[in-house]
Protein backbone atom coordinates (compact mmCIF):
# COMPACT_ATOMS: atom_id res chain seq x y z
CA MET A 1 0.00 0.00 0.00
CA VAL A 2 1.04 3.61 -0.57
CA PHE A 3 1.25 4.54 3.11
CA GLU A 4 3.47 1.50 3.82
CA PHE A 5 5.86 2.65 1.09
CA GLU A 6 5.84 6.16 2.54
CA ALA A 7 6.69 4.72 5.96
CA ARG A 8 9.69 2.89 4.54
CA CYS A 9 10.88 6.10 2.91
CA GLY A 10 10.52 8.06 6.13
CA ASP A 11 8.00 10.55 4.75
CA TYR A 12 6.08 10.62 7.99
CA GLY A 13 4.44 13.98 7.39
CA CYS A 14 2.61 12.55 4.37
CA ILE A 15 1.50 9.49 6.38
CA TYR A 16 0.16 11.53 9.25
CA GLY A 17 -1.70 13.79 6.83
CA SER A 18 -3.25 10.77 5.13
CA ILE A 19 -4.42 9.31 8.44
CA GLU A 20 -5.87 12.62 9.56
CA ARG A 21 -7.71 13.20 6.26
CA THR A 22 -9.05 9.65 6.21
CA GLY A 23 -10.36 9.96 9.78
CA LYS A 24 -12.04 13.29 9.04
CA CYS A 25 -13.78 11.74 6.05
CA GLY A 26 -15.43 9.27 8.42
CA ASP A 27 -13.58 6.22 7.12
CA ASP A 28 -12.46 5.05 10.55
CA GLU A 29 -11.74 1.52 9.36
CA ALA A 30 -9.19 2.69 6.79
CA ALA A 31 -7.65 5.10 9.28
CA ASP A 32 -7.31 2.31 11.85
CA GLU A 33 -5.65 0.11 9.23
CA MET A 34 -3.15 2.87 8.49
CA LEU A 35 -2.39 3.33 12.20
CA VAL A 36 -1.75 -0.36 12.72
CA SER A 37 0.51 -0.54 9.67
CA VAL A 38 2.51 2.52 10.61
CA GLY A 39 2.60 1.62 14.30
CA HIS A 40 4.23 -1.71 13.58
CA CYS A 41 6.47 -0.52 10.77
CA GLU A 42 10.02 -1.78 11.30
CA LYS A 43 11.44 1.54 10.15
CA ARG A 44 9.49 3.59 12.69
CA GLU A 45 12.50 4.04 14.96
CA LYS A 46 14.46 5.59 12.10
CA PHE A 47 12.15 8.48 11.30
CA VAL A 48 14.15 11.69 11.31
CA HIS A 49 11.26 14.12 11.28
CA ASN A 50 10.58 14.36 15.02
CA ALA A 51 7.83 16.94 14.67
CA CYS A 52 5.72 14.58 12.58
CA LEU A 53 6.38 11.71 14.96
CA LEU A 54 5.25 13.92 17.83
CA ASN A 55 2.06 14.72 15.90
CA TYR A 56 1.48 11.00 15.51
CA TYR A 57 1.89 10.52 19.27
CA TYR A 58 -0.72 13.22 19.96
CA TYR A 59 -3.02 11.66 17.39
CA LEU A 60 -2.81 8.30 19.16
CA CYS A 61 -3.54 9.90 22.55
CA ASP A 62 -6.62 11.59 21.09
CA SER A 63 -7.65 8.26 19.55
CA PHE A 64 -7.34 6.52 22.95
CA ASP A 65 -4.82 4.04 21.54
CA GLU A 66 -2.75 3.98 24.72
CA GLU A 67 -0.63 0.97 23.77
CA LEU A 68 0.58 2.44 20.49
CA ALA A 69 0.96 5.89 22.04
CA CYS A 70 3.24 4.46 24.73
CA ALA A 71 5.29 2.58 22.14
CA THR A 72 5.67 5.73 20.05
CA ALA A 73 6.64 7.85 23.05
CA ARG A 74 9.22 5.28 24.14
CA CYS A 75 10.56 5.25 20.60
CA ILE A 76 11.06 9.03 20.69
CA ALA A 77 12.34 9.09 24.26
CA GLY A 78 14.79 6.32 23.38
CA ARG A 79 16.51 8.70 21.00
CA SER A 80 17.16 11.20 23.78
CA ALA A 81 20.90 10.76 23.29
CA LYS A 82 20.40 13.41 20.63
CA ALA A 83 18.86 15.67 23.24
CA SER A 84 16.65 18.45 21.95
CA PRO A 85 13.82 20.59 23.34
CA LEU A 86 11.38 18.53 21.25
CA LEU A 87 12.51 15.22 22.74
CA PHE A 88 12.36 16.68 26.23
CA LEU A 89 8.79 17.84 25.56
CA VAL A 90 7.81 14.34 24.43
CA VAL A 91 9.25 12.75 27.57
CA VAL A 92 7.35 15.22 29.76
CA GLU A 93 4.10 14.76 27.83
CA PHE A 94 4.49 10.97 27.98
CA THR A 95 4.99 11.09 31.76
CA VAL A 96 1.85 13.20 32.20
CA PHE A 97 -0.10 10.86 29.91
CA ILE A 98 0.83 7.80 31.99
CA GLU A 99 0.24 9.57 35.32
CA GLN A 100 -3.23 10.66 34.22
CA SER A 101 -4.03 7.11 33.16
CA ASP A 102 -3.03 5.83 36.61
CA ILE A 103 -5.02 8.48 38.43
CA LEU A 104 -8.18 7.65 36.52
CA MET A 105 -7.88 3.88 36.84
CA ASP A 106 -10.64 3.56 39.43
CA THR A 107 -13.04 6.05 37.88
CA TYR A 108 -15.18 6.13 34.80
CA LEU A 109 -17.33 8.70 33.02
CA THR A 110 -20.95 8.07 32.07
CA ILE A 111 -23.98 10.09 31.02
CA THR A 112 -26.67 10.67 33.61
CA SER A 113 -29.38 12.15 31.39
CA SER A 114 -30.66 11.21 27.97
CA ALA A 115 -30.18 13.60 25.05
CA GLU A 116 -31.40 13.91 21.46
CA TYR A 117 -30.13 15.66 18.34
CA GLN A 118 -31.49 15.95 14.80
CA LEU A 119 -29.47 16.42 11.63
CA THR A 120 -30.55 16.79 8.00
CA GLU A 121 -28.12 15.92 5.22
CA LYS A 122 -29.26 15.93 1.57
CA ARG A 123 -32.87 15.36 2.58
CA SER A 124 -31.95 12.40 4.83
CA ARG A 125 -33.00 12.93 8.45
CA PHE A 126 -30.79 11.61 11.25
CA LEU A 127 -32.18 11.36 14.79
CA GLY A 128 -29.52 10.82 17.43
CA PHE A 129 -30.23 9.48 20.91
CA ALA A 130 -27.75 9.09 23.77
CA MET A 131 -28.70 7.37 27.01
CA HIS A 132 -27.33 5.63 30.08
CA VAL A 133 -27.59 1.83 30.34
CA GLU A 134 -26.45 -0.53 33.09
CA SER A 135 -26.13 -3.76 31.11
CA GLU A 136 -26.14 -5.33 27.66
CA ASP A 137 -29.59 -6.74 28.31
CA GLU A 138 -30.92 -3.26 29.05
CA ALA A 139 -29.24 -1.89 25.91
CA LYS A 140 -30.74 -4.65 23.75
CA SER A 141 -34.19 -4.03 25.22
CA ILE A 142 -33.99 -0.31 24.44
CA ILE A 143 -32.72 -0.97 20.91
CA ALA A 144 -35.67 -3.31 20.27
CA ALA A 145 -38.07 -0.66 21.56
CA TYR A 146 -36.58 2.00 19.27
CA LYS A 147 -36.78 -0.29 16.25
CA LYS A 148 -40.45 -0.83 17.04
CA LYS A 149 -41.07 2.87 17.59
CA TYR A 150 -39.28 3.92 14.39
CA TYR A 151 -40.51 1.01 12.27
CA ASP A 152 -40.91 3.33 9.27
CA ALA A 153 -37.26 4.45 9.28
CA ARG A 154 -34.78 2.98 6.79
CA HIS A 155 -32.07 2.33 9.41
CA VAL A 156 -31.83 2.20 13.21
CA CYS A 157 -28.08 2.01 13.87
CA TYR A 158 -26.50 1.79 17.28
CA ALA A 159 -23.44 1.21 19.43
CA TYR A 160 -22.85 0.82 23.12
CA VAL A 161 -20.03 0.64 25.66
CA ILE A 162 -20.60 -1.30 28.91
CA GLY A 163 -18.47 -2.04 31.98
CA ASP A 164 -16.30 -0.14 34.42
CA ASP A 165 -13.36 -0.63 32.05
CA GLY A 166 -15.44 0.02 28.93
CA LYS A 167 -14.27 -3.24 27.37
CA THR A 168 -17.72 -4.53 26.39
CA THR A 169 -18.64 -2.87 23.10
CA ARG A 170 -20.90 -3.49 20.15
CA ALA A 171 -21.72 -1.58 16.97
CA ASN A 172 -24.35 -2.29 14.31
CA ASP A 173 -24.82 -0.69 10.88
CA ASP A 174 -28.38 -2.02 10.41
CA GLY A 175 -28.06 -2.31 6.64
CA GLU A 176 -25.85 0.71 6.01
CA PRO A 177 -22.54 0.08 4.19
CA SER A 178 -20.11 -1.68 6.53
CA GLY A 179 -18.36 0.68 8.94
CA THR A 180 -20.36 3.80 8.02
CA ALA A 181 -22.80 3.89 10.94
CA GLY A 182 -22.09 1.67 13.93
CA ARG A 183 -18.38 2.38 14.04
CA PRO A 184 -18.74 6.21 13.90
CA ILE A 185 -21.37 6.03 16.66
CA LEU A 186 -19.09 3.83 18.77
CA GLY A 187 -16.14 6.09 18.01
CA GLN A 188 -17.97 9.09 19.43
CA ILE A 189 -18.85 7.27 22.65
CA VAL A 190 -15.22 6.19 23.04
CA SER A 191 -13.81 9.61 22.13
CA HIS A 192 -16.03 11.17 24.82
CA ASP A 193 -14.45 8.63 27.22
CA LEU A 194 -17.85 7.26 28.20
CA THR A 195 -19.04 3.87 29.37
CA TYR A 196 -22.44 2.46 30.33
CA THR A 197 -23.64 4.45 27.34
CA LEU A 198 -25.90 3.56 24.41
CA GLY A 199 -26.04 5.61 21.23
CA ILE A 200 -28.77 5.17 18.61
CA VAL A 201 -29.08 7.03 15.32
CA VAL A 202 -32.28 6.64 13.29
CA ARG A 203 -32.09 7.50 9.60
CA TYR A 204 -34.98 8.43 7.37
CA PHE A 205 -33.67 8.14 3.81
CA GLY A 206 -34.29 11.25 1.72
CA GLY A 207 -33.82 9.71 -1.69
CA VAL A 208 -30.25 10.91 -2.28
CA LYS A 209 -27.30 8.62 -1.59
CA LEU A 210 -24.61 10.34 0.46
CA GLY A 211 -21.61 8.14 -0.29
CA THR A 212 -19.70 6.23 2.37
CA GLY A 213 -17.49 9.15 3.50
CA PRO A 214 -20.22 11.77 4.03
CA LEU A 215 -22.52 9.07 5.42
CA GLY A 216 -20.00 8.19 8.12
CA VAL A 217 -19.54 11.88 8.94
CA ALA A 218 -23.32 12.34 9.27
CA TYR A 219 -23.64 9.47 11.76
CA LYS A 220 -20.55 10.63 13.62
CA THR A 221 -21.75 14.25 13.84
CA CYS A 222 -25.28 13.33 14.89
CA MET A 223 -24.06 11.07 17.68
CA GLY A 224 -21.35 13.49 18.79
CA GLU A 225 -23.83 16.37 19.13
CA ALA A 226 -26.27 14.20 21.07
CA LEU A 227 -23.50 13.23 23.50
CA ASN A 228 -22.47 16.88 23.85
CA LEU A 229 -26.01 17.68 25.03
CA ALA A 230 -26.05 14.89 27.63
CA GLU A 231 -25.05 15.50 31.25
CA CYS A 232 -22.02 13.47 32.32
CA GLU A 233 -20.75 12.39 35.71
CA GLU A 234 -17.55 10.77 36.90
CA LYS A 235 -18.17 7.64 38.95
CA ILE A 236 -15.72 6.05 41.36
CA ILE A 237 -15.22 2.29 41.11
CA THR A 238 -15.47 0.75 44.56
CA SER A 239 -14.82 -2.62 46.12
CA THR A 240 -16.67 -4.18 49.03
CA LEU A 241 -14.93 -5.68 52.05
CA ILE A 242 -16.63 -7.52 54.90
CA VAL A 243 -14.73 -7.86 58.17
CA SER A 244 -15.49 -9.49 61.50
CA ILE A 245 -13.96 -7.78 64.52
CA PRO A 246 -14.33 -8.23 68.30
CA TYR A 247 -16.00 -5.35 70.12
CA THR A 248 -12.73 -4.45 71.85
CA ASP A 249 -10.98 -3.68 68.53
CA ALA A 250 -13.96 -2.31 66.59
CA ASP A 251 -13.06 1.36 67.24
CA THR A 252 -9.55 0.84 65.88
CA ALA A 253 -10.87 -0.83 62.74
CA MET A 254 -13.41 1.94 62.15
CA ARG A 255 -10.68 4.57 62.59
CA PHE A 256 -8.52 2.87 59.94
CA ILE A 257 -11.52 2.76 57.61
CA ARG A 258 -12.33 6.45 58.11
CA GLU A 259 -8.72 7.56 57.70
CA ILE A 260 -8.45 5.98 54.26
CA GLY A 261 -11.74 7.57 53.16
CA ALA A 262 -13.82 4.38 52.95
CA ASP A 263 -17.46 4.10 54.00
CA ILE A 264 -19.12 1.64 56.35
CA THR A 265 -22.32 0.73 54.54
CA GLN A 266 -23.66 -1.85 57.00
CA ARG A 267 -23.10 -2.99 60.59
CA ASP A 268 -24.20 -6.33 61.99
CA TYR A 269 -23.62 -7.84 65.40
CA ASP A 270 -23.17 -11.35 66.75
CA LEU A 271 -21.90 -12.92 69.97
CA GLN A 272 -18.26 -12.51 68.95
CA GLY A 273 -18.37 -8.88 67.89
CA THR A 274 -19.16 -6.59 64.95
CA ILE A 275 -19.40 -7.40 61.27
CA LEU A 276 -18.68 -4.39 59.08
CA THR A 277 -19.45 -4.06 55.38
CA VAL A 278 -17.09 -1.51 53.86
CA SER A 279 -17.17 0.28 50.51
CA VAL A 280 -13.69 1.39 49.52
CA ARG A 281 -12.29 3.06 46.44
CA GLN A 282 -10.70 0.36 44.26
CA ASP A 283 -7.26 1.98 44.29
CA ASP A 284 -7.35 2.10 48.11
CA GLU A 285 -8.45 -1.50 48.69
CA SER A 286 -4.94 -2.94 49.01
CA ALA A 287 -3.84 -0.23 51.45
CA LEU A 288 -6.94 -0.72 53.59
CA ARG A 289 -6.45 -4.49 53.67
CA ASP A 290 -2.85 -4.00 54.79
CA ARG A 291 -3.88 -1.67 57.63
CA LEU A 292 -6.74 -3.85 58.82
CA SER A 293 -4.51 -6.93 58.73
CA LYS A 294 -2.45 -5.39 61.52
CA ILE A 295 -5.42 -5.95 63.84
CA LEU A 296 -4.71 -9.59 64.68
CA SER A 297 -8.21 -10.30 65.94
CA LEU A 298 -9.83 -9.10 62.69
CA LYS A 299 -10.98 -11.60 60.06
CA PHE A 300 -11.94 -10.93 56.44
CA VAL A 301 -15.24 -12.57 55.52
CA GLU A 302 -15.34 -14.22 52.11
CA GLN A 303 -18.18 -13.07 49.89
CA ASP A 304 -20.34 -15.34 47.76
């Protein structure tokens, strides 16, 4: 392919421009293919145009391709023997990128209110809907309801992201050319860094074919605007611990729990002492376990 040849020749500016133009045209599949090819190109370490390589790094960060972004940053940082302000900037940016990823490990962003947006393109009407869902089953139920409600529409396309880590995803073109509807909808949910989110775009065909590029842009724009109108909230991922502690050491245990910022959500009592159910931020679970383990009389209760 042309972009592979350009990579071998070191013309990275041309490659980056091609990727950017392809992505803006809505052809995410082709852009992804380019990124994979360039990212694994054996000659990547030999690019001499650092500015273009830095642009590529930023592009990957914006695309949420953390693995390839890290590899690219390490590639640039590894050439720091030829120290320059540009290389120093990359090292700093890379450090910030990784630190931010670590900080946000036990949080996720989701929408808390539904939102709608309408778009007209060459007489085709696009109705975009963004909403919060808790599970795949709920998402599938809502999709079925929308297909029934908009039975007279040509296409009801959708995508969703589920899970604290956002790893459960699905996209569907519902009869549109492959990659022109579901993927752009999914891409907007991912680019907004959302999970537990369902996006649906209903299309009423206006009689004029848009072409795959403009069609992808229409779905992408409609979904993006709907998400922009939705209210978002950052949620903290928590873990639950259950501990059994004699009455004599209960105050010490509760002090440890309060000091680390965890919450006691339930207290039960038996003949031996107190049973505490604790909700703790996921990143703090290990530290809390270590502190509570110092109370020799305390026992962790296994959960079903």
